[in-house]
């Protein structure tokens, strides 16, 4: 029995090593992406201007458009689930019709978890989600925000004119009508 247990432990360790070796490195190239918030000397929020170039879950690069009217931020696992559940009920093109963009922070997630679980799951969706891999970018966006809730910012020409919070799919639905 002891030999079987030791054999199983050895197999688990070998499997974990292989998994880490295959999925343990990031393809994120920080030189391709940027975030600018002005004025830089205050917290990001109403009155701030934002511009970014970020990747989505399909490794496609996106630049924030002047026509974007809503930015939806998910900074935690829980808020990410709220957004995911909300979007599963929506038809393809829902975000485009509302000039809305989803931005999710995955910077705190270990790379092996990103590559093994998070990104494959996100790639099953029929919508694009901008991803924040960089902890400094995430910090700039989160500072002064109630990051435990879905944050919906209304923009006009990349300037934040309103910040609202959602704790559920129903509240998010109300904010995006």
Protein backbone atom coordinates (compact mmCIF):
# COMPACT_ATOMS: atom_id res chain seq x y z
CA UNK A 1 0.00 0.00 0.00
CA UNK A 2 2.84 2.34 0.89
CA UNK A 3 4.50 1.74 -2.52
CA UNK A 4 1.23 2.46 -4.36
CA UNK A 5 0.77 5.69 -2.42
CA UNK A 6 4.36 6.78 -3.13
CA UNK A 7 3.87 5.89 -6.80
CA UNK A 8 0.70 7.99 -6.99
CA UNK A 9 2.43 10.93 -5.32
CA UNK A 10 5.31 10.64 -7.79
CA UNK A 11 2.84 10.62 -10.73
CA UNK A 12 1.07 13.72 -9.39
CA UNK A 13 4.39 15.54 -9.02
CA UNK A 14 5.47 14.55 -12.53
CA UNK A 15 2.09 15.58 -13.99
CA UNK A 16 2.24 18.94 -12.19
CA UNK A 17 5.76 19.50 -13.51
CA UNK A 18 4.68 18.73 -17.08
CA UNK A 19 1.62 20.97 -16.74
CA UNK A 20 3.76 23.82 -15.41
CA UNK A 21 6.36 23.28 -18.13
CA UNK A 22 3.75 23.40 -20.90
CA UNK A 23 1.56 26.18 -19.51
CA UNK A 24 3.95 28.04 -17.22
CA UNK A 25 5.18 30.72 -19.60
CA UNK A 26 3.29 33.78 -20.74
CA UNK A 27 2.97 34.98 -24.33
CA UNK A 28 2.14 38.51 -23.10
CA UNK A 29 4.45 41.11 -24.65
CA UNK A 30 4.20 44.26 -22.51
CA UNK A 31 5.85 46.38 -25.23
CA UNK A 32 2.73 46.01 -27.44
CA UNK A 33 0.26 47.35 -24.89
CA UNK A 34 -0.32 50.61 -23.05
CA UNK A 35 -2.58 52.48 -20.67
CA UNK A 36 -2.79 56.24 -20.27
CA UNK A 37 -4.94 57.93 -17.66
CA UNK A 38 -5.03 61.70 -17.31
CA UNK A 39 -4.67 63.56 -15.12
CA UNK A 40 -2.10 61.16 -13.74
CA UNK A 41 -1.98 62.79 -10.31
CA UNK A 42 -5.48 61.71 -9.24
CA UNK A 43 -7.47 58.48 -8.99
CA UNK A 44 -9.06 57.21 -12.18
CA UNK A 45 -12.73 58.11 -12.23
CA UNK A 46 -15.18 60.85 -13.19
CA UNK A 47 -13.36 63.59 -15.10
CA UNK A 48 -10.43 61.35 -16.06
CA UNK A 49 -9.50 60.56 -19.63
CA UNK A 50 -8.44 57.04 -20.54
CA UNK A 51 -6.75 55.48 -23.52
CA UNK A 52 -5.43 51.97 -23.89
CA UNK A 53 -4.16 49.29 -26.20
CA UNK A 54 -4.91 45.85 -24.72
CA UNK A 55 -5.14 42.24 -25.89
CA UNK A 56 -8.31 40.20 -25.74
CA UNK A 57 -8.65 36.52 -24.89
CA UNK A 58 -8.08 35.64 -28.56
CA UNK A 59 -4.70 37.48 -28.57
CA UNK A 60 -6.12 40.22 -30.79
CA UNK A 61 -4.98 43.77 -30.01
CA UNK A 62 -7.61 46.45 -29.37
CA UNK A 63 -7.33 50.23 -29.05
CA UNK A 64 -9.97 52.14 -27.12
CA UNK A 65 -12.21 53.95 -29.60
CA UNK A 66 -13.60 57.45 -29.21
CA UNK A 67 -17.01 55.90 -29.91
CA UNK A 68 -16.85 53.63 -26.84
CA UNK A 69 -19.57 54.72 -24.44
CA UNK A 70 -19.30 52.10 -21.68
CA UNK A 71 -16.29 50.47 -20.04
CA UNK A 72 -17.14 47.45 -17.91
CA UNK A 73 -14.39 46.49 -15.46
CA UNK A 74 -14.09 43.14 -13.67
CA UNK A 75 -11.19 43.19 -11.21
CA UNK A 76 -11.93 40.06 -9.17
CA UNK A 77 -12.91 36.46 -9.77
CA UNK A 78 -16.40 37.17 -8.42
CA UNK A 79 -16.98 40.21 -10.66
CA UNK A 80 -15.64 38.23 -13.60
CA UNK A 81 -18.27 35.56 -12.93
CA UNK A 82 -21.01 38.21 -12.77
CA UNK A 83 -19.96 39.53 -16.19
CA UNK A 84 -19.63 36.02 -17.64
CA UNK A 85 -23.09 34.94 -16.46
CA UNK A 86 -24.57 38.23 -17.67
CA UNK A 87 -23.00 37.81 -21.12
CA UNK A 88 -24.03 34.15 -21.58
CA UNK A 89 -27.61 35.32 -21.99
CA UNK A 90 -26.77 38.05 -24.50
CA UNK A 91 -26.75 37.65 -28.29
CA UNK A 92 -23.62 38.06 -30.35
CA UNK A 93 -23.00 41.75 -31.02
CA UNK A 94 -24.62 42.88 -27.75
CA UNK A 95 -21.58 44.89 -26.64
CA UNK A 96 -20.99 46.39 -30.08
CA UNK A 97 -24.58 47.67 -30.28
CA UNK A 98 -24.10 49.39 -26.93
CA UNK A 99 -20.63 50.72 -27.76
CA UNK A 100 -19.40 48.82 -24.70
CA UNK A 101 -16.10 47.12 -23.88
CA UNK A 102 -15.33 44.64 -21.10
CA UNK A 103 -11.95 44.85 -19.38
CA UNK A 104 -10.90 42.05 -17.01
CA UNK A 105 -7.91 42.05 -14.68
CA UNK A 106 -6.06 38.73 -14.73
CA UNK A 107 -2.76 40.18 -13.50
CA UNK A 108 -2.93 38.50 -10.08
CA UNK A 109 -3.60 35.08 -11.56
CA UNK A 110 -0.58 32.76 -11.85
CA UNK A 111 0.42 32.20 -15.49
CA UNK A 112 -0.15 28.45 -15.33
CA UNK A 113 -3.74 29.10 -14.14
CA UNK A 114 -4.25 31.73 -16.87
CA UNK A 115 -3.06 29.36 -19.59
CA UNK A 116 -4.61 26.14 -18.28
CA UNK A 117 -8.02 27.30 -17.11
CA UNK A 118 -8.89 31.00 -17.56
CA UNK A 119 -7.94 31.67 -21.19
CA UNK A 120 -9.39 28.41 -22.61
CA UNK A 121 -12.65 29.17 -20.78
CA UNK A 122 -12.72 32.79 -22.00
CA UNK A 123 -12.06 31.69 -25.59
CA UNK A 124 -15.37 29.82 -25.56
CA UNK A 125 -17.28 33.13 -25.38
CA UNK A 126 -18.86 34.86 -28.36
CA UNK A 127 -17.64 38.29 -27.26
CA UNK A 128 -14.29 39.96 -26.87
CA UNK A 129 -12.90 40.84 -23.45
CA UNK A 130 -9.85 43.07 -23.05
CA UNK A 131 -7.36 41.60 -20.58
CA UNK A 132 -5.03 43.29 -18.13
CA UNK A 133 -1.95 41.15 -17.57
CA UNK A 134 0.19 43.94 -16.09
CA UNK A 135 -0.10 44.54 -12.31
CA UNK A 136 0.85 48.22 -12.64
CA UNK A 137 -1.90 48.82 -15.21
CA UNK A 138 -4.38 47.07 -12.92
CA UNK A 139 -3.24 49.18 -9.97
CA UNK A 140 -3.77 52.43 -11.92
CA UNK A 141 -7.30 51.39 -12.86
CA UNK A 142 -8.32 49.94 -9.47
CA UNK A 143 -6.92 52.58 -7.16
CA UNK A 144 -9.77 54.48 -5.56
CA UNK A 145 -12.40 52.13 -7.06
CA UNK A 146 -14.73 49.69 -5.38
CA UNK A 147 -13.05 46.74 -7.11
CA UNK A 148 -15.24 44.13 -5.42
CA UNK A 149 -18.11 45.19 -7.70
CA UNK A 150 -18.44 45.37 -11.47
CA UNK A 151 -17.52 48.94 -12.40
CA UNK A 152 -19.35 50.51 -15.34
CA UNK A 153 -17.94 53.79 -16.59
CA UNK A 154 -19.78 55.96 -19.07
CA UNK A 155 -17.45 57.68 -21.52
CA UNK A 156 -17.69 60.52 -23.98
CA UNK A 157 -14.65 60.82 -26.27
CA UNK A 158 -12.63 58.68 -23.81
CA UNK A 159 -13.50 60.94 -20.87
CA UNK A 160 -15.25 59.37 -17.87
CA UNK A 161 -18.52 61.18 -17.22
CA UNK A 162 -20.13 58.69 -14.81
CA UNK A 163 -19.08 55.73 -12.64
CA UNK A 164 -21.66 53.15 -11.54
CA UNK A 165 -21.40 49.85 -9.70
CA UNK A 166 -23.13 46.50 -10.13
CA UNK A 167 -23.21 43.62 -7.66
CA UNK A 168 -25.35 41.29 -9.78
CA UNK A 169 -26.32 40.41 -13.34
CA UNK A 170 -29.63 42.27 -12.86
CA UNK A 171 -27.87 45.47 -11.78
CA UNK A 172 -25.44 45.17 -14.69
CA UNK A 173 -28.36 44.70 -17.07
CA UNK A 174 -29.97 47.89 -15.75
CA UNK A 175 -26.75 49.87 -16.25
CA UNK A 176 -26.34 48.70 -19.85
CA UNK A 177 -29.89 49.30 -21.10
